[in-house]
Amino acid sequence: MGKTITGAEAERIGLINKAVSVDQVMNEATVFADELAKRAPLAVAAAKKGLQRSMDVHLQNELEYALYLQTLLFKTEDFKEGLRAFMERREPRFRGF
């Protein structure tokens, strides 16, 4: 509707993940990056590619592409490692394949 909202309101309604003060931006970005770096690299790359594609692709095509990527990722060693780590209640050790 063109209404300006605060960062806190954007966080409350789920438009953003987290609102922080300017002096905390770099610290929070570093925490976020550290968490992202712990994730399976193939899955992160696929999600990033999907987000990039979503700007130019019809929704139905993007959903089909996401399903295709998910099917490929389910066959990776990182997926198996993620499941094992979850069942063993430990941090996963992703290797990118």
PDB file of N, CA and C in Angstrom:
ATOM      1  N   MET A   1       0.814  -1.201   0.000  1.00  0.00           N
ATOM      2  CA  MET A   1       0.000   0.000   0.000  1.00  0.00           C
ATOM      3  C   MET A   1       0.855   1.262   0.000  1.00  0.00           C
ATOM      4  N   GLY A   2       2.157   1.100  -0.025  1.00  0.00           N
ATOM      5  CA  GLY A   2       3.027   2.257  -0.069  1.00  0.00           C
ATOM      6  C   GLY A   2       3.280   2.893   1.278  1.00  0.00           C
ATOM      7  N   LYS A   3       2.802   2.261   2.344  1.00  0.00           N
ATOM      8  CA  LYS A   3       2.982   2.804   3.693  1.00  0.00           C
ATOM      9  C   LYS A   3       4.387   2.478   4.201  1.00  0.00           C
ATOM     10  N   THR A   4       5.052   3.470   4.760  1.00  0.00           N
ATOM     11  CA  THR A   4       6.361   3.254   5.354  1.00  0.00           C
ATOM     12  C   THR A   4       6.179   2.582   6.710  1.00  0.00           C
ATOM     13  N   ILE A   5       6.976   1.532   6.953  1.00  0.00           N
ATOM     14  CA  ILE A   5       6.907   0.847   8.237  1.00  0.00           C
ATOM     15  C   ILE A   5       8.299   0.812   8.865  1.00  0.00           C
ATOM     16  N   THR A   6       8.336   0.583  10.147  1.00  0.00           N
ATOM     17  CA  THR A   6       9.603   0.501  10.862  1.00  0.00           C
ATOM     18  C   THR A   6      10.212  -0.889  10.671  1.00  0.00           C
ATOM     19  N   GLY A   7      11.488  -1.001  11.009  1.00  0.00           N
ATOM     20  CA  GLY A   7      12.139  -2.299  10.966  1.00  0.00           C
ATOM     21  C   GLY A   7      11.474  -3.288  11.907  1.00  0.00           C
ATOM     22  N   ALA A   8      11.092  -2.819  13.084  1.00  0.00           N
ATOM     23  CA  ALA A   8      10.428  -3.686  14.058  1.00  0.00           C
ATOM     24  C   ALA A   8       9.110  -4.221  13.510  1.00  0.00           C
ATOM     25  N   GLU A   9       8.362  -3.362  12.816  1.00  0.00           N
ATOM     26  CA  GLU A   9       7.097  -3.802  12.228  1.00  0.00           C
ATOM     27  C   GLU A   9       7.355  -4.793  11.099  1.00  0.00           C
ATOM     28  N   ALA A  10       8.371  -4.541  10.289  1.00  0.00           N
ATOM     29  CA  ALA A  10       8.711  -5.465   9.209  1.00  0.00           C
ATOM     30  C   ALA A  10       9.083  -6.838   9.777  1.00  0.00           C
ATOM     31  N   GLU A  11       9.804  -6.844  10.892  1.00  0.00           N
ATOM     32  CA  GLU A  11      10.145  -8.114  11.543  1.00  0.00           C
ATOM     33  C   GLU A  11       8.891  -8.788  12.097  1.00  0.00           C
ATOM     34  N   ARG A  12       8.035  -8.024  12.725  1.00  0.00           N
ATOM     35  CA  ARG A  12       6.818  -8.582  13.329  1.00  0.00           C
ATOM     36  C   ARG A  12       5.925  -9.264  12.304  1.00  0.00           C
ATOM     37  N   ILE A  13       5.810  -8.699  11.117  1.00  0.00           N
ATOM     38  CA  ILE A  13       4.926  -9.269  10.099  1.00  0.00           C
ATOM     39  C   ILE A  13       5.632 -10.280   9.198  1.00  0.00           C
ATOM     40  N   GLY A  14       6.912 -10.541   9.470  1.00  0.00           N
ATOM     41  CA  GLY A  14       7.635 -11.564   8.726  1.00  0.00           C
ATOM     42  C   GLY A  14       8.226 -11.111   7.404  1.00  0.00           C
ATOM     43  N   LEU A  15       8.267  -9.810   7.188  1.00  0.00           N
ATOM     44  CA  LEU A  15       8.854  -9.288   5.952  1.00  0.00           C
ATOM     45  C   LEU A  15      10.369  -9.424   5.954  1.00  0.00           C
ATOM     46  N   ILE A  16      10.964  -9.329   7.139  1.00  0.00           N
ATOM     47  CA  ILE A  16      12.406  -9.501   7.310  1.00  0.00           C
ATOM     48  C   ILE A  16      12.647 -10.485   8.445  1.00  0.00           C
ATOM     49  N   ASN A  17      13.840 -11.046   8.506  1.00  0.00           N
ATOM     50  CA  ASN A  17      14.175 -11.996   9.568  1.00  0.00           C
ATOM     51  C   ASN A  17      14.420 -11.311  10.899  1.00  0.00           C
ATOM     52  N   LYS A  18      15.145 -10.198  10.843  1.00  0.00           N
ATOM     53  CA  LYS A  18      15.528  -9.558  12.089  1.00  0.00           C
ATOM     54  C   LYS A  18      15.830  -8.090  11.853  1.00  0.00           C
ATOM     55  N   ALA A  19      15.339  -7.233  12.720  1.00  0.00           N
ATOM     56  CA  ALA A  19      15.644  -5.809  12.684  1.00  0.00           C
ATOM     57  C   ALA A  19      16.689  -5.522  13.756  1.00  0.00           C
ATOM     58  N   VAL A  20      17.751  -4.818  13.372  1.00  0.00           N
ATOM     59  CA  VAL A  20      18.815  -4.481  14.318  1.00  0.00           C
ATOM     60  C   VAL A  20      19.187  -3.011  14.151  1.00  0.00           C
ATOM     61  N   SER A  21      19.813  -2.470  15.181  1.00  0.00           N
ATOM     62  CA  SER A  21      20.267  -1.090  15.102  1.00  0.00           C
ATOM     63  C   SER A  21      21.484  -1.010  14.176  1.00  0.00           C
ATOM     64  N   VAL A  22      21.745   0.172  13.675  1.00  0.00           N
ATOM     65  CA  VAL A  22      22.844   0.372  12.731  1.00  0.00           C
ATOM     66  C   VAL A  22      24.168  -0.103  13.317  1.00  0.00           C
ATOM     67  N   ASP A  23      24.392   0.145  14.593  1.00  0.00           N
ATOM     68  CA  ASP A  23      25.669  -0.246  15.194  1.00  0.00           C
ATOM     69  C   ASP A  23      25.802  -1.766  15.379  1.00  0.00           C
ATOM     70  N   GLN A  24      24.733  -2.516  15.178  1.00  0.00           N
ATOM     71  CA  GLN A  24      24.778  -3.970  15.311  1.00  0.00           C
ATOM     72  C   GLN A  24      24.728  -4.707  13.978  1.00  0.00           C
ATOM     73  N   VAL A  25      24.631  -3.958  12.868  1.00  0.00           N
ATOM     74  CA  VAL A  25      24.453  -4.597  11.562  1.00  0.00           C
ATOM     75  C   VAL A  25      25.598  -5.547  11.232  1.00  0.00           C
ATOM     76  N   MET A  26      26.838  -5.098  11.342  1.00  0.00           N
ATOM     77  CA  MET A  26      27.975  -5.953  10.975  1.00  0.00           C
ATOM     78  C   MET A  26      28.082  -7.173  11.887  1.00  0.00           C
ATOM     79  N   ASN A  27      27.847  -6.987  13.174  1.00  0.00           N
ATOM     80  CA  ASN A  27      27.891  -8.116  14.100  1.00  0.00           C
ATOM     81  C   ASN A  27      26.819  -9.149  13.740  1.00  0.00           C
ATOM     82  N   GLU A  28      25.604  -8.693  13.504  1.00  0.00           N
ATOM     83  CA  GLU A  28      24.511  -9.610  13.163  1.00  0.00           C
ATOM     84  C   GLU A  28      24.754 -10.266  11.809  1.00  0.00           C
ATOM     85  N   ALA A  29      25.305  -9.516  10.861  1.00  0.00           N
ATOM     86  CA  ALA A  29      25.608 -10.085   9.544  1.00  0.00           C
ATOM     87  C   ALA A  29      26.667 -11.182   9.670  1.00  0.00           C
ATOM     88  N   THR A  30      27.644 -10.969  10.537  1.00  0.00           N
ATOM     89  CA  THR A  30      28.689 -11.968  10.757  1.00  0.00           C
ATOM     90  C   THR A  30      28.106 -13.225  11.396  1.00  0.00           C
ATOM     91  N   VAL A  31      27.230 -13.061  12.371  1.00  0.00           N
ATOM     92  CA  VAL A  31      26.570 -14.205  13.010  1.00  0.00           C
ATOM     93  C   VAL A  31      25.761 -14.979  11.969  1.00  0.00           C
ATOM     94  N   PHE A  32      25.018 -14.248  11.140  1.00  0.00           N
ATOM     95  CA  PHE A  32      24.212 -14.884  10.089  1.00  0.00           C
ATOM     96  C   PHE A  32      25.109 -15.632   9.105  1.00  0.00           C
ATOM     97  N   ALA A  33      26.202 -14.996   8.672  1.00  0.00           N
ATOM     98  CA  ALA A  33      27.117 -15.623   7.718  1.00  0.00           C
ATOM     99  C   ALA A  33      27.754 -16.876   8.314  1.00  0.00           C
ATOM    100  N   ASP A  34      28.109 -16.821   9.585  1.00  0.00           N
ATOM    101  CA  ASP A  34      28.690 -17.998  10.248  1.00  0.00           C
ATOM    102  C   ASP A  34      27.695 -19.157  10.264  1.00  0.00           C
ATOM    103  N   GLU A  35      26.439 -18.864  10.529  1.00  0.00           N
ATOM    104  CA  GLU A  35      25.409 -19.908  10.528  1.00  0.00           C
ATOM    105  C   GLU A  35      25.193 -20.452   9.123  1.00  0.00           C
ATOM    106  N   LEU A  36      25.163 -19.564   8.143  1.00  0.00           N
ATOM    107  CA  LEU A  36      24.971 -19.979   6.758  1.00  0.00           C
ATOM    108  C   LEU A  36      26.121 -20.859   6.287  1.00  0.00           C
ATOM    109  N   ALA A  37      27.326 -20.551   6.728  1.00  0.00           N
ATOM    110  CA  ALA A  37      28.508 -21.316   6.329  1.00  0.00           C
ATOM    111  C   ALA A  37      28.482 -22.737   6.874  1.00  0.00           C
ATOM    112  N   LYS A  38      27.709 -22.990   7.898  1.00  0.00           N
ATOM    113  CA  LYS A  38      27.595 -24.333   8.473  1.00  0.00           C
ATOM    114  C   LYS A  38      26.626 -25.217   7.693  1.00  0.00           C
ATOM    115  N   ARG A  39      25.864 -24.627   6.805  1.00  0.00           N
ATOM    116  CA  ARG A  39      24.852 -25.366   6.050  1.00  0.00           C
ATOM    117  C   ARG A  39      25.487 -26.112   4.881  1.00  0.00           C
ATOM    118  N   ALA A  40      24.735 -27.044   4.341  1.00  0.00           N
ATOM    119  CA  ALA A  40      25.208 -27.839   3.205  1.00  0.00           C
ATOM    120  C   ALA A  40      25.444 -26.918   2.005  1.00  0.00           C
ATOM    121  N   PRO A  41      26.669 -26.871   1.502  1.00  0.00           N
ATOM    122  CA  PRO A  41      26.984 -25.911   0.446  1.00  0.00           C
ATOM    123  C   PRO A  41      26.188 -26.109  -0.848  1.00  0.00           C
ATOM    124  N   LEU A  42      25.886 -27.342  -1.202  1.00  0.00           N
ATOM    125  CA  LEU A  42      25.103 -27.565  -2.418  1.00  0.00           C
ATOM    126  C   LEU A  42      23.686 -27.041  -2.261  1.00  0.00           C
ATOM    127  N   ALA A  43      23.102 -27.233  -1.088  1.00  0.00           N
ATOM    128  CA  ALA A  43      21.752 -26.755  -0.841  1.00  0.00           C
ATOM    129  C   ALA A  43      21.717 -25.227  -0.805  1.00  0.00           C
ATOM    130  N   VAL A  44      22.721 -24.606  -0.195  1.00  0.00           N
ATOM    131  CA  VAL A  44      22.792 -23.146  -0.159  1.00  0.00           C
ATOM    132  C   VAL A  44      22.923 -22.593  -1.576  1.00  0.00           C
ATOM    133  N   ALA A  45      23.786 -23.205  -2.373  1.00  0.00           N
ATOM    134  CA  ALA A  45      23.967 -22.756  -3.757  1.00  0.00           C
ATOM    135  C   ALA A  45      22.677 -22.903  -4.558  1.00  0.00           C
ATOM    136  N   ALA A  46      21.958 -24.007  -4.348  1.00  0.00           N
ATOM    137  CA  ALA A  46      20.704 -24.225  -5.065  1.00  0.00           C
ATOM    138  C   ALA A  46      19.657 -23.194  -4.644  1.00  0.00           C
ATOM    139  N   ALA A  47      19.591 -22.902  -3.353  1.00  0.00           N
ATOM    140  CA  ALA A  47      18.636 -21.902  -2.876  1.00  0.00           C
ATOM    141  C   ALA A  47      18.967 -20.521  -3.447  1.00  0.00           C
ATOM    142  N   LYS A  48      20.242 -20.186  -3.470  1.00  0.00           N
ATOM    143  CA  LYS A  48      20.663 -18.902  -4.022  1.00  0.00           C
ATOM    144  C   LYS A  48      20.303 -18.806  -5.504  1.00  0.00           C
ATOM    145  N   LYS A  49      20.579 -19.871  -6.252  1.00  0.00           N
ATOM    146  CA  LYS A  49      20.244 -19.886  -7.671  1.00  0.00           C
ATOM    147  C   LYS A  49      18.739 -19.752  -7.873  1.00  0.00           C
ATOM    148  N   GLY A  50      17.970 -20.432  -7.039  1.00  0.00           N
ATOM    149  CA  GLY A  50      16.517 -20.340  -7.134  1.00  0.00           C
ATOM    150  C   GLY A  50      16.013 -18.935  -6.881  1.00  0.00           C
ATOM    151  N   LEU A  51      16.587 -18.265  -5.892  1.00  0.00           N
ATOM    152  CA  LEU A  51      16.188 -16.889  -5.617  1.00  0.00           C
ATOM    153  C   LEU A  51      16.543 -15.965  -6.773  1.00  0.00           C
ATOM    154  N   GLN A  52      17.712 -16.167  -7.346  1.00  0.00           N
ATOM    155  CA  GLN A  52      18.111 -15.352  -8.495  1.00  0.00           C
ATOM    156  C   GLN A  52      17.177 -15.583  -9.677  1.00  0.00           C
ATOM    157  N   ARG A  53      16.851 -16.833  -9.941  1.00  0.00           N
ATOM    158  CA  ARG A  53      15.964 -17.170 -11.064  1.00  0.00           C
ATOM    159  C   ARG A  53      14.552 -16.640 -10.852  1.00  0.00           C
ATOM    160  N   SER A  54      14.097 -16.598  -9.614  1.00  0.00           N
ATOM    161  CA  SER A  54      12.707 -16.239  -9.335  1.00  0.00           C
ATOM    162  C   SER A  54      12.362 -14.821  -9.773  1.00  0.00           C
ATOM    163  N   MET A  55      13.365 -13.997  -9.985  1.00  0.00           N
ATOM    164  CA  MET A  55      13.110 -12.631 -10.426  1.00  0.00           C
ATOM    165  C   MET A  55      12.670 -12.580 -11.890  1.00  0.00           C
ATOM    166  N   ASP A  56      13.036 -13.593 -12.667  1.00  0.00           N
ATOM    167  CA  ASP A  56      12.805 -13.556 -14.114  1.00  0.00           C
ATOM    168  C   ASP A  56      11.953 -14.703 -14.649  1.00  0.00           C
ATOM    169  N   VAL A  57      11.538 -15.626 -13.788  1.00  0.00           N
ATOM    170  CA  VAL A  57      10.890 -16.844 -14.249  1.00  0.00           C
ATOM    171  C   VAL A  57       9.446 -16.897 -13.742  1.00  0.00           C
ATOM    172  N   HIS A  58       8.574 -17.473 -14.553  1.00  0.00           N
ATOM    173  CA  HIS A  58       7.186 -17.682 -14.161  1.00  0.00           C
ATOM    174  C   HIS A  58       7.139 -18.625 -12.958  1.00  0.00           C
ATOM    175  N   LEU A  59       6.214 -18.411 -12.043  1.00  0.00           N
ATOM    176  CA  LEU A  59       6.128 -19.179 -10.801  1.00  0.00           C
ATOM    177  C   LEU A  59       6.079 -20.683 -11.052  1.00  0.00           C
ATOM    178  N   GLN A  60       5.262 -21.134 -11.985  1.00  0.00           N
ATOM    179  CA  GLN A  60       5.146 -22.574 -12.236  1.00  0.00           C
ATOM    180  C   GLN A  60       6.478 -23.158 -12.692  1.00  0.00           C
ATOM    181  N   ASN A  61       7.198 -22.439 -13.539  1.00  0.00           N
ATOM    182  CA  ASN A  61       8.518 -22.910 -13.973  1.00  0.00           C
ATOM    183  C   ASN A  61       9.481 -22.978 -12.802  1.00  0.00           C
ATOM    184  N   GLU A  62       9.415 -21.990 -11.927  1.00  0.00           N
ATOM    185  CA  GLU A  62      10.319 -21.974 -10.770  1.00  0.00           C
ATOM    186  C   GLU A  62      10.000 -23.107  -9.805  1.00  0.00           C
ATOM    187  N   LEU A  63       8.733 -23.410  -9.608  1.00  0.00           N
ATOM    188  CA  LEU A  63       8.354 -24.528  -8.742  1.00  0.00           C
ATOM    189  C   LEU A  63       8.850 -25.854  -9.315  1.00  0.00           C
ATOM    190  N   GLU A  64       8.753 -26.015 -10.623  1.00  0.00           N
ATOM    191  CA  GLU A  64       9.254 -27.231 -11.267  1.00  0.00           C
ATOM    192  C   GLU A  64      10.770 -27.327 -11.124  1.00  0.00           C
ATOM    193  N   TYR A  65      11.463 -26.196 -11.278  1.00  0.00           N
ATOM    194  CA  TYR A  65      12.913 -26.178 -11.131  1.00  0.00           C
ATOM    195  C   TYR A  65      13.303 -26.513  -9.691  1.00  0.00           C
ATOM    196  N   ALA A  66      12.571 -25.973  -8.723  1.00  0.00           N
ATOM    197  CA  ALA A  66      12.853 -26.253  -7.308  1.00  0.00           C
ATOM    198  C   ALA A  66      12.675 -27.740  -7.018  1.00  0.00           C
ATOM    199  N   LEU A  67      11.650 -28.347  -7.562  1.00  0.00           N
ATOM    200  CA  LEU A  67      11.431 -29.790  -7.382  1.00  0.00           C
ATOM    201  C   LEU A  67      12.564 -30.593  -8.010  1.00  0.00           C
ATOM    202  N   TYR A  68      13.009 -30.167  -9.177  1.00  0.00           N
ATOM    203  CA  TYR A  68      14.134 -30.811  -9.845  1.00  0.00           C
ATOM    204  C   TYR A  68      15.390 -30.743  -8.976  1.00  0.00           C
ATOM    205  N   LEU A  69      15.704 -29.554  -8.449  1.00  0.00           N
ATOM    206  CA  LEU A  69      16.880 -29.400  -7.592  1.00  0.00           C
ATOM    207  C   LEU A  69      16.764 -30.226  -6.316  1.00  0.00           C
ATOM    208  N   GLN A  70      15.575 -30.233  -5.740  1.00  0.00           N
ATOM    209  CA  GLN A  70      15.371 -31.011  -4.524  1.00  0.00           C
ATOM    210  C   GLN A  70      15.630 -32.492  -4.787  1.00  0.00           C
ATOM    211  N   THR A  71      15.172 -32.992  -5.915  1.00  0.00           N
ATOM    212  CA  THR A  71      15.401 -34.387  -6.286  1.00  0.00           C
ATOM    213  C   THR A  71      16.893 -34.680  -6.406  1.00  0.00           C
ATOM    214  N   LEU A  72      17.627 -33.750  -7.028  1.00  0.00           N
ATOM    215  CA  LEU A  72      19.080 -33.927  -7.140  1.00  0.00           C
ATOM    216  C   LEU A  72      19.761 -33.887  -5.775  1.00  0.00           C
ATOM    217  N   LEU A  73      19.366 -32.952  -4.939  1.00  0.00           N
ATOM    218  CA  LEU A  73      20.010 -32.794  -3.635  1.00  0.00           C
ATOM    219  C   LEU A  73      19.754 -33.988  -2.722  1.00  0.00           C
ATOM    220  N   PHE A  74      18.595 -34.624  -2.860  1.00  0.00           N
ATOM    221  CA  PHE A  74      18.298 -35.803  -2.038  1.00  0.00           C
ATOM    222  C   PHE A  74      19.265 -36.953  -2.323  1.00  0.00           C
ATOM    223  N   LYS A  75      19.955 -36.911  -3.445  1.00  0.00           N
ATOM    224  CA  LYS A  75      20.881 -37.974  -3.834  1.00  0.00           C
ATOM    225  C   LYS A  75      22.318 -37.688  -3.405  1.00  0.00           C
ATOM    226  N   THR A  76      22.563 -36.548  -2.762  1.00  0.00           N
ATOM    227  CA  THR A  76      23.935 -36.176  -2.422  1.00  0.00           C
ATOM    228  C   THR A  76      24.381 -36.789  -1.094  1.00  0.00           C
ATOM    229  N   GLU A  77      25.687 -36.875  -0.952  1.00  0.00           N
ATOM    230  CA  GLU A  77      26.266 -37.340   0.308  1.00  0.00           C
ATOM    231  C   GLU A  77      25.954 -36.357   1.443  1.00  0.00           C
ATOM    232  N   ASP A  78      25.899 -35.061   1.131  1.00  0.00           N
ATOM    233  CA  ASP A  78      25.572 -34.074   2.162  1.00  0.00           C
ATOM    234  C   ASP A  78      24.172 -34.304   2.732  1.00  0.00           C
ATOM    235  N   PHE A  79      23.230 -34.695   1.884  1.00  0.00           N
ATOM    236  CA  PHE A  79      21.882 -34.992   2.373  1.00  0.00           C
ATOM    237  C   PHE A  79      21.923 -36.172   3.338  1.00  0.00           C
ATOM    238  N   LYS A  80      22.638 -37.215   2.944  1.00  0.00           N
ATOM    239  CA  LYS A  80      22.754 -38.391   3.815  1.00  0.00           C
ATOM    240  C   LYS A  80      23.438 -38.032   5.132  1.00  0.00           C
ATOM    241  N   GLU A  81      24.477 -37.202   5.043  1.00  0.00           N
ATOM    242  CA  GLU A  81      25.174 -36.761   6.249  1.00  0.00           C
ATOM    243  C   GLU A  81      24.251 -35.942   7.148  1.00  0.00           C
ATOM    244  N   GLY A  82      23.446 -35.096   6.553  1.00  0.00           N
ATOM    245  CA  GLY A  82      22.505 -34.303   7.335  1.00  0.00           C
ATOM    246  C   GLY A  82      21.518 -35.177   8.092  1.00  0.00           C
ATOM    247  N   LEU A  83      21.005 -36.199   7.432  1.00  0.00           N
ATOM    248  CA  LEU A  83      20.086 -37.133   8.097  1.00  0.00           C
ATOM    249  C   LEU A  83      20.779 -37.902   9.222  1.00  0.00           C
ATOM    250  N   ARG A  84      21.993 -38.401   8.934  1.00  0.00           N
ATOM    251  CA  ARG A  84      22.738 -39.134   9.972  1.00  0.00           C
ATOM    252  C   ARG A  84      23.006 -38.241  11.182  1.00  0.00           C
ATOM    253  N   ALA A  85      23.443 -37.021  10.921  1.00  0.00           N
ATOM    254  CA  ALA A  85      23.753 -36.094  12.012  1.00  0.00           C
ATOM    255  C   ALA A  85      22.503 -35.799  12.836  1.00  0.00           C
ATOM    256  N   PHE A  86      21.374 -35.633  12.172  1.00  0.00           N
ATOM    257  CA  PHE A  86      20.128 -35.377  12.882  1.00  0.00           C
ATOM    258  C   PHE A  86      19.768 -36.562  13.776  1.00  0.00           C
ATOM    259  N   MET A  87      19.863 -37.766  13.233  1.00  0.00           N
ATOM    260  CA  MET A  87      19.513 -38.960  13.996  1.00  0.00           C
ATOM    261  C   MET A  87      20.491 -39.199  15.154  1.00  0.00           C
ATOM    262  N   GLU A  88      21.755 -38.820  14.952  1.00  0.00           N
ATOM    263  CA  GLU A  88      22.775 -39.007  15.979  1.00  0.00           C
ATOM    264  C   GLU A  88      22.896 -37.793  16.907  1.00  0.00           C
ATOM    265  N   ARG A  89      22.049 -36.809  16.683  1.00  0.00           N
ATOM    266  CA  ARG A  89      22.020 -35.586  17.504  1.00  0.00           C
ATOM    267  C   ARG A  89      23.403 -34.921  17.589  1.00  0.00           C
ATOM    268  N   ARG A  90      23.971 -34.681  16.405  1.00  0.00           N
ATOM    269  CA  ARG A  90      25.272 -34.026  16.339  1.00  0.00           C
ATOM    270  C   ARG A  90      25.259 -33.016  15.199  1.00  0.00           C
ATOM    271  N   GLU A  91      26.276 -32.178  15.165  1.00  0.00           N
ATOM    272  CA  GLU A  91      26.414 -31.210  14.077  1.00  0.00           C
ATOM    273  C   GLU A  91      26.838 -31.949  12.807  1.00  0.00           C
ATOM    274  N   PRO A  92      26.246 -31.635  11.660  1.00  0.00           N
ATOM    275  CA  PRO A  92      26.651 -32.289  10.425  1.00  0.00           C
ATOM    276  C   PRO A  92      28.009 -31.785   9.948  1.00  0.00           C
ATOM    277  N   ARG A  93      28.703 -32.638   9.215  1.00  0.00           N
ATOM    278  CA  ARG A  93      29.987 -32.279   8.600  1.00  0.00           C
ATOM    279  C   ARG A  93      29.808 -32.355   7.082  1.00  0.00           C
ATOM    280  N   PHE A  94      29.339 -31.257   6.518  1.00  0.00           N
ATOM    281  CA  PHE A  94      29.064 -31.215   5.082  1.00  0.00           C
ATOM    282  C   PHE A  94      30.363 -31.087   4.303  1.00  0.00           C
ATOM    283  N   ARG A  95      30.422 -31.769   3.145  1.00  0.00           N
ATOM    284  CA  ARG A  95      31.632 -31.763   2.331  1.00  0.00           C
ATOM    285  C   ARG A  95      31.395 -31.200   0.930  1.00  0.00           C
ATOM    286  N   GLY A  96      30.164 -30.875   0.601  1.00  0.00           N
ATOM    287  CA  GLY A  96      29.900 -30.272  -0.698  1.00  0.00           C
ATOM    288  C   GLY A  96      29.754 -31.252  -1.852  1.00  0.00           C
ATOM    289  N   PHE A  97      29.375 -32.495  -1.524  1.00  0.00           N
ATOM    290  CA  PHE A  97      29.072 -33.454  -2.597  1.00  0.00           C
ATOM    291  C   PHE A  97      28.098 -34.497  -2.108  1.00  0.00           C
TER     292      PHE A  97
END
